[in-house]
Amino acid sequence: MNSMQPSHSRVVLVTGASTGIGLSLIRQLIEAGFRTVATARESSLPRFASEGIVPGERLLIYPLDVTVPAQQETVVQQVYDQWGRIDVLVNNAGVSYRSVTEHVDPQSEQEQFAINYFGPMQLTRLVLPRMRELRGGHIINVSSVGGMMAMPTMGIYSAAKFALEGASEALWYEARPWGIRVSLIEPGFINSDGFRKVFFTKPSQQAVQDSSNDYYAYYHHMSRFIEQMMTHSLSRSENVASTILRVMNQECPRLRVPATLDAWFFYFLRRLIPRHWYHAILYRSLPHLKKWVPDAKN
């Protein structure tokens, strides 16, 4: 594997850069001297200026909807025209749908995968040829604890993250002979209002608003649990961004990198105990489980 270029000569492209982890990472990349490409949906671009982040000699800002292949191709070509290379691709853009399996509809499922899986993989395919030519590069895919394990009401989110993790693992083997590194960053609960930004399918939205719905308790108790975990978490987006930057600067980074304390906890838990015990423990730990189905034997 070739030695990494110094930070001031490396080009880093970040998706979903206008908020959360992406915005924190952009700030840290600028401070560290990287040539940085910040991308976000066009409707989100004004956030950069409001945060004091403006294009400059070492910062490019481009509109990018990761579900639109033409925009992906345009952005990659614009970076090549400007700087001739992309050394690090950080696939950070993502959304989360909350729905039990029975309430998933094809449109929501497609959008979940389009943003969290198909988009990142297509961008990866676009930058790999130049990385192979240069015999180096780094693909960093932001996954989640949801890519390690699944939780009720978040099945299609985990499905998309599981897919991203599987494809990234295969790519790790394929890219390594060319000097290209591949990393999965796995954050858990982050102290933010992200729990307010989840999407619901139409049936799940109806269930949330109808206390007589068979699945109402699922949504009610899981939503409150996730809100509590996020509002009391000691981890912030800046911490995850710092982990990404640290991994970016490692010569031989690990494939999977838990990025919060709870992520490390689940990382070791699933390795230290038999899998059937692991699932039994997590099932019994679900919030207010006995209230999910009236008079049910859980």
C-alpha atoms as a PDB file:
ATOM      1  CA  MET A   1       0.000   0.000   0.000  1.00  0.00           C
ATOM      2  CA  ASN A   2       1.332   3.409  -0.981  1.00  0.00           C
ATOM      3  CA  SER A   3       1.998   5.967   1.743  1.00  0.00           C
ATOM      4  CA  MET A   4      -0.784   8.477   2.145  1.00  0.00           C
ATOM      5  CA  GLN A   5      -0.452  11.966   0.759  1.00  0.00           C
ATOM      6  CA  PRO A   6      -0.165  14.800   3.315  1.00  0.00           C
ATOM      7  CA  SER A   7      -3.477  16.365   4.286  1.00  0.00           C
ATOM      8  CA  HIS A   8      -2.920  19.606   2.373  1.00  0.00           C
ATOM      9  CA  SER A   9      -2.731  17.719  -0.923  1.00  0.00           C
ATOM     10  CA  ARG A  10      -5.564  15.243  -0.340  1.00  0.00           C
ATOM     11  CA  VAL A  11      -9.042  15.869  -1.770  1.00  0.00           C
ATOM     12  CA  VAL A  12     -11.997  14.768   0.363  1.00  0.00           C
ATOM     13  CA  LEU A  13     -15.579  14.641  -0.932  1.00  0.00           C
ATOM     14  CA  VAL A  14     -18.336  14.496   1.700  1.00  0.00           C
ATOM     15  CA  THR A  15     -22.022  13.875   1.033  1.00  0.00           C
ATOM     16  CA  GLY A  16     -24.782  15.084   3.340  1.00  0.00           C
ATOM     17  CA  ALA A  17     -22.435  17.827   4.525  1.00  0.00           C
ATOM     18  CA  SER A  18     -24.898  20.567   5.483  1.00  0.00           C
ATOM     19  CA  THR A  19     -25.854  19.225   8.905  1.00  0.00           C
ATOM     20  CA  GLY A  20     -24.913  16.856  11.709  1.00  0.00           C
ATOM     21  CA  ILE A  21     -21.866  14.636  11.256  1.00  0.00           C
ATOM     22  CA  GLY A  22     -21.246  15.935   7.734  1.00  0.00           C
ATOM     23  CA  LEU A  23     -21.146  19.583   8.783  1.00  0.00           C
ATOM     24  CA  SER A  24     -18.893  18.801  11.747  1.00  0.00           C
ATOM     25  CA  LEU A  25     -16.562  16.866   9.469  1.00  0.00           C
ATOM     26  CA  ILE A  26     -16.380  19.711   6.948  1.00  0.00           C
ATOM     27  CA  ARG A  27     -15.295  22.091   9.709  1.00  0.00           C
ATOM     28  CA  GLN A  28     -12.588  19.705  10.886  1.00  0.00           C
ATOM     29  CA  LEU A  29     -11.335  19.017   7.364  1.00  0.00           C
ATOM     30  CA  ILE A  30     -11.012  22.736   6.644  1.00  0.00           C
ATOM     31  CA  GLU A  31      -9.141  23.256   9.907  1.00  0.00           C
ATOM     32  CA  ALA A  32      -6.824  20.333   9.130  1.00  0.00           C
ATOM     33  CA  GLY A  33      -5.955  21.769   5.709  1.00  0.00           C
ATOM     34  CA  PHE A  34      -7.602  19.237   3.395  1.00  0.00           C
ATOM     35  CA  ARG A  35      -8.911  20.246  -0.006  1.00  0.00           C
ATOM     36  CA  THR A  36     -12.568  19.725   0.777  1.00  0.00           C
ATOM     37  CA  VAL A  37     -15.671  19.175  -1.348  1.00  0.00           C
ATOM     38  CA  ALA A  38     -18.915  19.734   0.576  1.00  0.00           C
ATOM     39  CA  THR A  39     -22.092  18.468  -1.054  1.00  0.00           C
ATOM     40  CA  ALA A  40     -25.761  18.539  -0.094  1.00  0.00           C
ATOM     41  CA  ARG A  41     -29.134  18.747  -1.749  1.00  0.00           C
ATOM     42  CA  GLU A  42     -29.662  22.100  -3.443  1.00  0.00           C
ATOM     43  CA  SER A  43     -32.365  23.071  -0.956  1.00  0.00           C
ATOM     44  CA  SER A  44     -29.842  22.606   1.875  1.00  0.00           C
ATOM     45  CA  LEU A  45     -26.991  24.649   0.375  1.00  0.00           C
ATOM     46  CA  PRO A  46     -27.956  27.925   2.154  1.00  0.00           C
ATOM     47  CA  ARG A  47     -27.074  26.252   5.456  1.00  0.00           C
ATOM     48  CA  PHE A  48     -23.371  26.481   4.599  1.00  0.00           C
ATOM     49  CA  ALA A  49     -23.419  30.262   4.367  1.00  0.00           C
ATOM     50  CA  SER A  50     -25.487  30.515   7.543  1.00  0.00           C
ATOM     51  CA  GLU A  51     -22.765  28.468   9.280  1.00  0.00           C
ATOM     52  CA  GLY A  52     -20.008  30.706   7.920  1.00  0.00           C
ATOM     53  CA  ILE A  53     -18.786  28.142   5.410  1.00  0.00           C
ATOM     54  CA  VAL A  54     -18.200  29.638   1.965  1.00  0.00           C
ATOM     55  CA  PRO A  55     -16.356  28.352  -1.129  1.00  0.00           C
ATOM     56  CA  GLY A  56     -12.693  29.226  -1.360  1.00  0.00           C
ATOM     57  CA  GLU A  57      -9.334  28.125  -2.685  1.00  0.00           C
ATOM     58  CA  ARG A  58      -9.486  24.883  -0.697  1.00  0.00           C
ATOM     59  CA  LEU A  59     -13.242  24.422  -0.405  1.00  0.00           C
ATOM     60  CA  LEU A  60     -15.748  23.556  -3.115  1.00  0.00           C
ATOM     61  CA  ILE A  61     -19.497  23.408  -2.462  1.00  0.00           C
ATOM     62  CA  TYR A  62     -21.729  21.579  -4.935  1.00  0.00           C
ATOM     63  CA  PRO A  63     -25.400  20.567  -4.995  1.00  0.00           C
ATOM     64  CA  LEU A  64     -25.796  16.804  -4.899  1.00  0.00           C
ATOM     65  CA  ASP A  65     -28.803  14.581  -4.474  1.00  0.00           C
ATOM     66  CA  VAL A  66     -27.231  11.139  -4.094  1.00  0.00           C
ATOM     67  CA  THR A  67     -30.309   9.515  -5.655  1.00  0.00           C
ATOM     68  CA  VAL A  68     -29.726  11.300  -8.983  1.00  0.00           C
ATOM     69  CA  PRO A  69     -26.966   9.605 -11.047  1.00  0.00           C
ATOM     70  CA  ALA A  70     -26.543  12.600 -13.364  1.00  0.00           C
ATOM     71  CA  GLN A  71     -25.761  14.851 -10.398  1.00  0.00           C
ATOM     72  CA  GLN A  72     -23.292  12.320  -9.058  1.00  0.00           C
ATOM     73  CA  GLU A  73     -21.464  12.188 -12.370  1.00  0.00           C
ATOM     74  CA  THR A  74     -21.453  15.983 -12.661  1.00  0.00           C
ATOM     75  CA  VAL A  75     -20.003  16.541  -9.194  1.00  0.00           C
ATOM     76  CA  VAL A  76     -17.250  13.929  -9.618  1.00  0.00           C
ATOM     77  CA  GLN A  77     -16.276  15.404 -12.987  1.00  0.00           C
ATOM     78  CA  GLN A  78     -16.263  18.952 -11.574  1.00  0.00           C
ATOM     79  CA  VAL A  79     -13.868  17.886  -8.830  1.00  0.00           C
ATOM     80  CA  TYR A  80     -11.627  16.144 -11.347  1.00  0.00           C
ATOM     81  CA  ASP A  81     -11.646  19.240 -13.538  1.00  0.00           C
ATOM     82  CA  GLN A  82     -10.721  21.424 -10.556  1.00  0.00           C
ATOM     83  CA  TRP A  83      -8.283  19.250  -8.614  1.00  0.00           C
ATOM     84  CA  GLY A  84      -7.718  16.145 -10.731  1.00  0.00           C
ATOM     85  CA  ARG A  85      -8.429  13.590  -8.020  1.00  0.00           C
ATOM     86  CA  ILE A  86     -10.619  12.445  -5.159  1.00  0.00           C
ATOM     87  CA  ASP A  87      -8.519  10.806  -2.470  1.00  0.00           C
ATOM     88  CA  VAL A  88     -11.241  10.217   0.103  1.00  0.00           C
ATOM     89  CA  LEU A  89     -14.966   9.696  -0.462  1.00  0.00           C
ATOM     90  CA  VAL A  90     -17.112   9.992   2.668  1.00  0.00           C
ATOM     91  CA  ASN A  91     -20.590   8.614   1.980  1.00  0.00           C
ATOM     92  CA  ASN A  92     -22.405  10.286   4.857  1.00  0.00           C
ATOM     93  CA  ALA A  93     -25.818  11.257   3.441  1.00  0.00           C
ATOM     94  CA  GLY A  94     -28.645   9.191   4.887  1.00  0.00           C
ATOM     95  CA  VAL A  95     -32.237   9.082   6.072  1.00  0.00           C
ATOM     96  CA  SER A  96     -34.175   6.864   8.438  1.00  0.00           C
ATOM     97  CA  TYR A  97     -37.667   5.457   8.002  1.00  0.00           C
ATOM     98  CA  ARG A  98     -39.543   4.190  11.040  1.00  0.00           C
ATOM     99  CA  SER A  99     -41.969   1.401  10.262  1.00  0.00           C
ATOM    100  CA  VAL A 100     -42.779  -2.115  11.337  1.00  0.00           C
ATOM    101  CA  THR A 101     -42.411  -4.614   8.506  1.00  0.00           C
ATOM    102  CA  GLU A 102     -46.153  -4.864   7.981  1.00  0.00           C
ATOM    103  CA  HIS A 103     -46.381  -1.111   7.379  1.00  0.00           C
ATOM    104  CA  VAL A 104     -43.573  -0.825   4.835  1.00  0.00           C
ATOM    105  CA  ASP A 105     -44.662   0.340   1.383  1.00  0.00           C
ATOM    106  CA  PRO A 106     -42.577  -0.080  -1.807  1.00  0.00           C
ATOM    107  CA  GLN A 107     -42.055   3.656  -2.328  1.00  0.00           C
ATOM    108  CA  SER A 108     -40.637   4.220   1.167  1.00  0.00           C
ATOM    109  CA  GLU A 109     -38.503   1.105   0.926  1.00  0.00           C
ATOM    110  CA  GLN A 110     -37.087   2.260  -2.400  1.00  0.00           C
ATOM    111  CA  GLU A 111     -36.271   5.723  -1.053  1.00  0.00           C
ATOM    112  CA  GLN A 112     -34.603   4.260   2.031  1.00  0.00           C
ATOM    113  CA  PHE A 113     -32.334   2.132  -0.139  1.00  0.00           C
ATOM    114  CA  ALA A 114     -31.822   4.842  -2.775  1.00  0.00           C
ATOM    115  CA  ILE A 115     -30.269   7.212  -0.245  1.00  0.00           C
ATOM    116  CA  ASN A 116     -28.575   4.825   2.182  1.00  0.00           C
ATOM    117  CA  TYR A 117     -27.326   2.164  -0.223  1.00  0.00           C
ATOM    118  CA  PHE A 118     -27.724   2.731  -3.986  1.00  0.00           C
ATOM    119  CA  GLY A 119     -26.430   6.325  -3.834  1.00  0.00           C
ATOM    120  CA  PRO A 120     -23.245   5.559  -1.889  1.00  0.00           C
ATOM    121  CA  MET A 121     -22.453   2.535  -4.039  1.00  0.00           C
ATOM    122  CA  GLN A 122     -22.883   4.455  -7.287  1.00  0.00           C
ATOM    123  CA  LEU A 123     -20.614   7.261  -6.062  1.00  0.00           C
ATOM    124  CA  THR A 124     -18.079   4.636  -5.021  1.00  0.00           C
ATOM    125  CA  ARG A 125     -18.134   3.131  -8.508  1.00  0.00           C
ATOM    126  CA  LEU A 126     -17.542   6.582 -10.018  1.00  0.00           C
ATOM    127  CA  VAL A 127     -14.395   7.325  -7.994  1.00  0.00           C
ATOM    128  CA  LEU A 128     -12.793   3.865  -8.016  1.00  0.00           C
ATOM    129  CA  PRO A 129     -11.263   4.021 -11.537  1.00  0.00           C
ATOM    130  CA  ARG A 130      -9.196   7.133 -10.713  1.00  0.00           C
ATOM    131  CA  MET A 131      -8.242   5.725  -7.313  1.00  0.00           C
ATOM    132  CA  ARG A 132      -6.994   2.536  -8.991  1.00  0.00           C
ATOM    133  CA  GLU A 133      -5.060   4.654 -11.471  1.00  0.00           C
ATOM    134  CA  LEU A 134      -3.410   6.520  -8.594  1.00  0.00           C
ATOM    135  CA  ARG A 135      -2.903   3.275  -6.620  1.00  0.00           C
ATOM    136  CA  GLY A 136      -4.507   4.754  -3.526  1.00  0.00           C
ATOM    137  CA  GLY A 137      -7.595   6.256  -1.950  1.00  0.00           C
ATOM    138  CA  HIS A 138     -10.081   5.750   0.827  1.00  0.00           C
ATOM    139  CA  ILE A 139     -13.793   4.930   0.729  1.00  0.00           C
ATOM    140  CA  ILE A 140     -15.468   5.761   4.048  1.00  0.00           C
ATOM    141  CA  ASN A 141     -19.081   4.695   4.410  1.00  0.00           C
ATOM    142  CA  VAL A 142     -20.990   6.022   7.393  1.00  0.00           C
ATOM    143  CA  SER A 143     -23.045   3.105   8.643  1.00  0.00           C
ATOM    144  CA  SER A 144     -24.682   2.823  12.064  1.00  0.00           C
ATOM    145  CA  VAL A 145     -25.281   0.564  15.024  1.00  0.00           C
ATOM    146  CA  GLY A 146     -28.318  -0.206  12.853  1.00  0.00           C
ATOM    147  CA  GLY A 147     -25.840  -1.859  10.504  1.00  0.00           C
ATOM    148  CA  MET A 148     -24.677  -4.149  13.335  1.00  0.00           C
ATOM    149  CA  MET A 149     -28.090  -5.016  14.720  1.00  0.00           C
ATOM    150  CA  ALA A 150     -31.761  -4.441  13.978  1.00  0.00           C
ATOM    151  CA  MET A 151     -34.427  -2.924  16.189  1.00  0.00           C
ATOM    152  CA  PRO A 152     -38.215  -3.146  15.893  1.00  0.00           C
ATOM    153  CA  THR A 153     -39.798  -0.367  13.776  1.00  0.00           C
ATOM    154  CA  MET A 154     -36.457   0.221  12.011  1.00  0.00           C
ATOM    155  CA  GLY A 155     -36.256  -2.827   9.769  1.00  0.00           C
ATOM    156  CA  ILE A 156     -35.787  -1.171   6.382  1.00  0.00           C
ATOM    157  CA  TYR A 157     -33.222   1.259   7.836  1.00  0.00           C
ATOM    158  CA  SER A 158     -31.181  -1.679   9.128  1.00  0.00           C
ATOM    159  CA  ALA A 159     -31.721  -3.563   5.872  1.00  0.00           C
ATOM    160  CA  ALA A 160     -30.149  -0.693   3.916  1.00  0.00           C
ATOM    161  CA  LYS A 161     -27.257  -0.395   6.388  1.00  0.00           C
ATOM    162  CA  PHE A 162     -26.734  -4.181   6.391  1.00  0.00           C
ATOM    163  CA  ALA A 163     -26.524  -4.005   2.602  1.00  0.00           C
ATOM    164  CA  LEU A 164     -24.012  -1.156   2.777  1.00  0.00           C
ATOM    165  CA  GLU A 165     -21.889  -3.106   5.249  1.00  0.00           C
ATOM    166  CA  GLY A 166     -21.932  -6.256   3.114  1.00  0.00           C
ATOM    167  CA  ALA A 167     -20.961  -4.403  -0.055  1.00  0.00           C
ATOM    168  CA  SER A 168     -18.250  -2.488   1.815  1.00  0.00           C
ATOM    169  CA  GLU A 169     -16.791  -5.708   3.186  1.00  0.00           C
ATOM    170  CA  ALA A 170     -16.588  -7.193  -0.313  1.00  0.00           C
ATOM    171  CA  LEU A 171     -15.012  -3.958  -1.572  1.00  0.00           C
ATOM    172  CA  TRP A 172     -12.424  -4.091   1.221  1.00  0.00           C
ATOM    173  CA  TYR A 173     -11.031  -7.282  -0.351  1.00  0.00           C
ATOM    174  CA  GLU A 174     -11.368  -6.047  -3.932  1.00  0.00           C
ATOM    175  CA  ALA A 175      -9.752  -2.641  -3.376  1.00  0.00           C
ATOM    176  CA  ARG A 176      -6.891  -3.539  -1.062  1.00  0.00           C
ATOM    177  CA  PRO A 177      -4.513  -4.837  -3.780  1.00  0.00           C
ATOM    178  CA  TRP A 178      -4.774  -1.389  -5.418  1.00  0.00           C
ATOM    179  CA  GLY A 179      -3.817   0.439  -2.221  1.00  0.00           C
ATOM    180  CA  ILE A 180      -7.385   1.618  -1.665  1.00  0.00           C
ATOM    181  CA  ARG A 181      -8.666   1.523   1.913  1.00  0.00           C
ATOM    182  CA  VAL A 182     -12.310   0.901   2.858  1.00  0.00           C
ATOM    183  CA  SER A 183     -13.826   1.793   6.232  1.00  0.00           C
ATOM    184  CA  LEU A 184     -17.257   1.571   7.844  1.00  0.00           C
ATOM    185  CA  ILE A 185     -17.944   4.136  10.563  1.00  0.00           C
ATOM    186  CA  GLU A 186     -20.616   2.844  12.953  1.00  0.00           C
ATOM    187  CA  PRO A 187     -22.114   5.533  15.212  1.00  0.00           C
ATOM    188  CA  GLY A 188     -24.735   4.702  17.788  1.00  0.00           C
ATOM    189  CA  PHE A 189     -26.969   7.229  19.504  1.00  0.00           C
ATOM    190  CA  ILE A 190     -25.765  10.811  19.061  1.00  0.00           C
ATOM    191  CA  ASN A 191     -26.895  13.708  21.231  1.00  0.00           C
ATOM    192  CA  SER A 192     -29.084  15.589  18.771  1.00  0.00           C
ATOM    193  CA  ASP A 193     -32.658  16.139  17.680  1.00  0.00           C
ATOM    194  CA  GLY A 194     -32.272  13.531  14.955  1.00  0.00           C
ATOM    195  CA  PHE A 195     -35.177  11.558  16.407  1.00  0.00           C
ATOM    196  CA  ARG A 196     -37.438  14.367  15.124  1.00  0.00           C
ATOM    197  CA  LYS A 197     -36.177  13.979  11.559  1.00  0.00           C
ATOM    198  CA  VAL A 198     -37.204  10.390  10.876  1.00  0.00           C
ATOM    199  CA  PHE A 199     -39.712   9.563   8.152  1.00  0.00           C
ATOM    200  CA  PHE A 200     -42.803   7.399   8.466  1.00  0.00           C
ATOM    201  CA  THR A 201     -44.589   5.366   5.851  1.00  0.00           C
ATOM    202  CA  LYS A 202     -48.275   6.212   5.413  1.00  0.00           C
ATOM    203  CA  PRO A 203     -49.476   3.165   7.398  1.00  0.00           C
ATOM    204  CA  SER A 204     -46.934   3.780  10.170  1.00  0.00           C
ATOM    205  CA  GLN A 205     -47.942   7.441  10.400  1.00  0.00           C
ATOM    206  CA  GLN A 206     -51.568   6.368  10.795  1.00  0.00           C
ATOM    207  CA  ALA A 207     -50.604   3.871  13.493  1.00  0.00           C
ATOM    208  CA  VAL A 208     -48.658   6.505  15.432  1.00  0.00           C
ATOM    209  CA  GLN A 209     -51.771   8.671  15.588  1.00  0.00           C
ATOM    210  CA  ASP A 210     -54.230   5.886  16.452  1.00  0.00           C
ATOM    211  CA  SER A 211     -53.924   4.403  19.939  1.00  0.00           C
ATOM    212  CA  SER A 212     -56.267   1.569  18.955  1.00  0.00           C
ATOM    213  CA  ASN A 213     -53.907   0.357  16.230  1.00  0.00           C
ATOM    214  CA  ASP A 214     -52.307  -3.017  16.950  1.00  0.00           C
ATOM    215  CA  TYR A 215     -48.838  -1.538  16.438  1.00  0.00           C
ATOM    216  CA  TYR A 216     -49.373   1.762  18.271  1.00  0.00           C
ATOM    217  CA  ALA A 217     -47.458   0.575  21.348  1.00  0.00           C
ATOM    218  CA  TYR A 218     -44.494  -0.465  19.200  1.00  0.00           C
ATOM    219  CA  TYR A 219     -44.083   3.041  17.810  1.00  0.00           C
ATOM    220  CA  HIS A 220     -44.913   4.792  21.069  1.00  0.00           C
ATOM    221  CA  HIS A 221     -42.425   2.970  23.274  1.00  0.00           C
ATOM    222  CA  MET A 222     -39.632   2.703  20.696  1.00  0.00           C
ATOM    223  CA  SER A 223     -39.918   6.404  19.831  1.00  0.00           C
ATOM    224  CA  ARG A 224     -39.688   7.403  23.493  1.00  0.00           C
ATOM    225  CA  PHE A 225     -36.770   5.023  24.024  1.00  0.00           C
ATOM    226  CA  ILE A 226     -34.821   6.417  21.051  1.00  0.00           C
ATOM    227  CA  GLU A 227     -35.549  10.005  22.111  1.00  0.00           C
ATOM    228  CA  GLN A 228     -34.246   9.315  25.616  1.00  0.00           C
ATOM    229  CA  MET A 229     -31.132   7.588  24.307  1.00  0.00           C
ATOM    230  CA  MET A 230     -30.331  10.464  21.966  1.00  0.00           C
ATOM    231  CA  THR A 231     -31.029  13.312  24.394  1.00  0.00           C
ATOM    232  CA  HIS A 232     -28.910  11.671  27.109  1.00  0.00           C
ATOM    233  CA  SER A 233     -26.080  10.440  24.890  1.00  0.00           C
ATOM    234  CA  LEU A 234     -22.589  11.704  25.687  1.00  0.00           C
ATOM    235  CA  SER A 235     -21.599  11.436  22.009  1.00  0.00           C
ATOM    236  CA  ARG A 236     -22.016  14.345  19.622  1.00  0.00           C
ATOM    237  CA  SER A 237     -21.628  14.739  15.885  1.00  0.00           C
ATOM    238  CA  GLU A 238     -18.243  16.394  16.473  1.00  0.00           C
ATOM    239  CA  ASN A 239     -16.998  13.218  18.176  1.00  0.00           C
ATOM    240  CA  VAL A 240     -18.038  11.046  15.249  1.00  0.00           C
ATOM    241  CA  ALA A 241     -16.466  13.507  12.806  1.00  0.00           C
ATOM    242  CA  SER A 242     -13.223  13.322  14.795  1.00  0.00           C
ATOM    243  CA  THR A 243     -13.331   9.526  14.524  1.00  0.00           C
ATOM    244  CA  ILE A 244     -13.733   9.790  10.745  1.00  0.00           C
ATOM    245  CA  LEU A 245     -10.796  12.193  10.545  1.00  0.00           C
ATOM    246  CA  ARG A 246      -8.651   9.897  12.683  1.00  0.00           C
ATOM    247  CA  VAL A 247      -9.500   6.873  10.505  1.00  0.00           C
ATOM    248  CA  MET A 248      -8.792   8.946   7.407  1.00  0.00           C
ATOM    249  CA  ASN A 249      -5.260   9.569   8.676  1.00  0.00           C
ATOM    250  CA  GLN A 250      -4.466   5.937   9.486  1.00  0.00           C
ATOM    251  CA  GLU A 251      -2.243   3.991   7.122  1.00  0.00           C
ATOM    252  CA  CYS A 252      -4.116   0.707   7.666  1.00  0.00           C
ATOM    253  CA  PRO A 253      -7.510   1.478   9.232  1.00  0.00           C
ATOM    254  CA  ARG A 254      -9.900  -1.216  10.378  1.00  0.00           C
ATOM    255  CA  LEU A 255     -12.833  -2.120   8.182  1.00  0.00           C
ATOM    256  CA  ARG A 256     -15.412  -1.574  10.945  1.00  0.00           C
ATOM    257  CA  VAL A 257     -14.992   1.270  13.431  1.00  0.00           C
ATOM    258  CA  PRO A 258     -17.586   1.773  16.196  1.00  0.00           C
ATOM    259  CA  ALA A 259     -17.829   5.521  16.752  1.00  0.00           C
ATOM    260  CA  THR A 260     -19.719   5.933  20.052  1.00  0.00           C
ATOM    261  CA  LEU A 261     -19.676   4.238  23.449  1.00  0.00           C
ATOM    262  CA  ASP A 262     -22.913   2.354  22.855  1.00  0.00           C
ATOM    263  CA  ALA A 263     -21.623   1.195  19.484  1.00  0.00           C
ATOM    264  CA  TRP A 264     -18.554  -0.273  21.182  1.00  0.00           C
ATOM    265  CA  PHE A 265     -20.801  -1.901  23.794  1.00  0.00           C
ATOM    266  CA  PHE A 266     -22.897  -3.711  21.165  1.00  0.00           C
ATOM    267  CA  TYR A 267     -19.770  -4.486  19.129  1.00  0.00           C
ATOM    268  CA  PHE A 268     -18.292  -6.477  22.033  1.00  0.00           C
ATOM    269  CA  LEU A 269     -21.610  -7.836  23.351  1.00  0.00           C
ATOM    270  CA  ARG A 270     -22.416  -9.683  20.154  1.00  0.00           C
ATOM    271  CA  ARG A 271     -18.909 -11.177  20.105  1.00  0.00           C
ATOM    272  CA  LEU A 272     -18.686 -12.246  23.736  1.00  0.00           C
ATOM    273  CA  ILE A 273     -21.950 -14.148  24.148  1.00  0.00           C
ATOM    274  CA  PRO A 274     -23.692 -16.806  22.018  1.00  0.00           C
ATOM    275  CA  ARG A 275     -25.961 -15.291  19.383  1.00  0.00           C
ATOM    276  CA  HIS A 276     -29.177 -16.844  20.745  1.00  0.00           C
ATOM    277  CA  TRP A 277     -28.426 -15.374  24.199  1.00  0.00           C
ATOM    278  CA  TYR A 278     -27.678 -12.042  22.574  1.00  0.00           C
ATOM    279  CA  HIS A 279     -31.060 -11.894  20.860  1.00  0.00           C
ATOM    280  CA  ALA A 280     -32.882 -13.096  23.979  1.00  0.00           C
ATOM    281  CA  ILE A 281     -31.234 -10.390  26.103  1.00  0.00           C
ATOM    282  CA  LEU A 282     -32.071  -7.643  23.626  1.00  0.00           C
ATOM    283  CA  TYR A 283     -35.650  -8.853  23.259  1.00  0.00           C
ATOM    284  CA  ARG A 284     -36.204  -8.802  27.021  1.00  0.00           C
ATOM    285  CA  SER A 285     -34.651  -5.324  27.105  1.00  0.00           C
ATOM    286  CA  LEU A 286     -37.204  -3.774  24.750  1.00  0.00           C
ATOM    287  CA  PRO A 287     -38.955  -0.866  26.479  1.00  0.00           C
ATOM    288  CA  HIS A 288     -42.233  -1.805  28.204  1.00  0.00           C
ATOM    289  CA  LEU A 289     -42.415  -5.031  26.221  1.00  0.00           C
ATOM    290  CA  LYS A 290     -45.415  -6.408  28.131  1.00  0.00           C
ATOM    291  CA  LYS A 291     -47.503  -3.461  26.948  1.00  0.00           C
ATOM    292  CA  TRP A 292     -46.833  -4.050  23.263  1.00  0.00           C
ATOM    293  CA  VAL A 293     -49.592  -6.645  22.896  1.00  0.00           C
ATOM    294  CA  PRO A 294     -52.396  -6.666  25.518  1.00  0.00           C
ATOM    295  CA  ASP A 295     -52.479  -9.902  27.548  1.00  0.00           C
ATOM    296  CA  ALA A 296     -49.738 -11.398  25.359  1.00  0.00           C
ATOM    297  CA  LYS A 297     -47.279 -13.934  26.717  1.00  0.00           C
ATOM    298  CA  ASN A 298     -43.901 -12.408  25.931  1.00  0.00           C
END
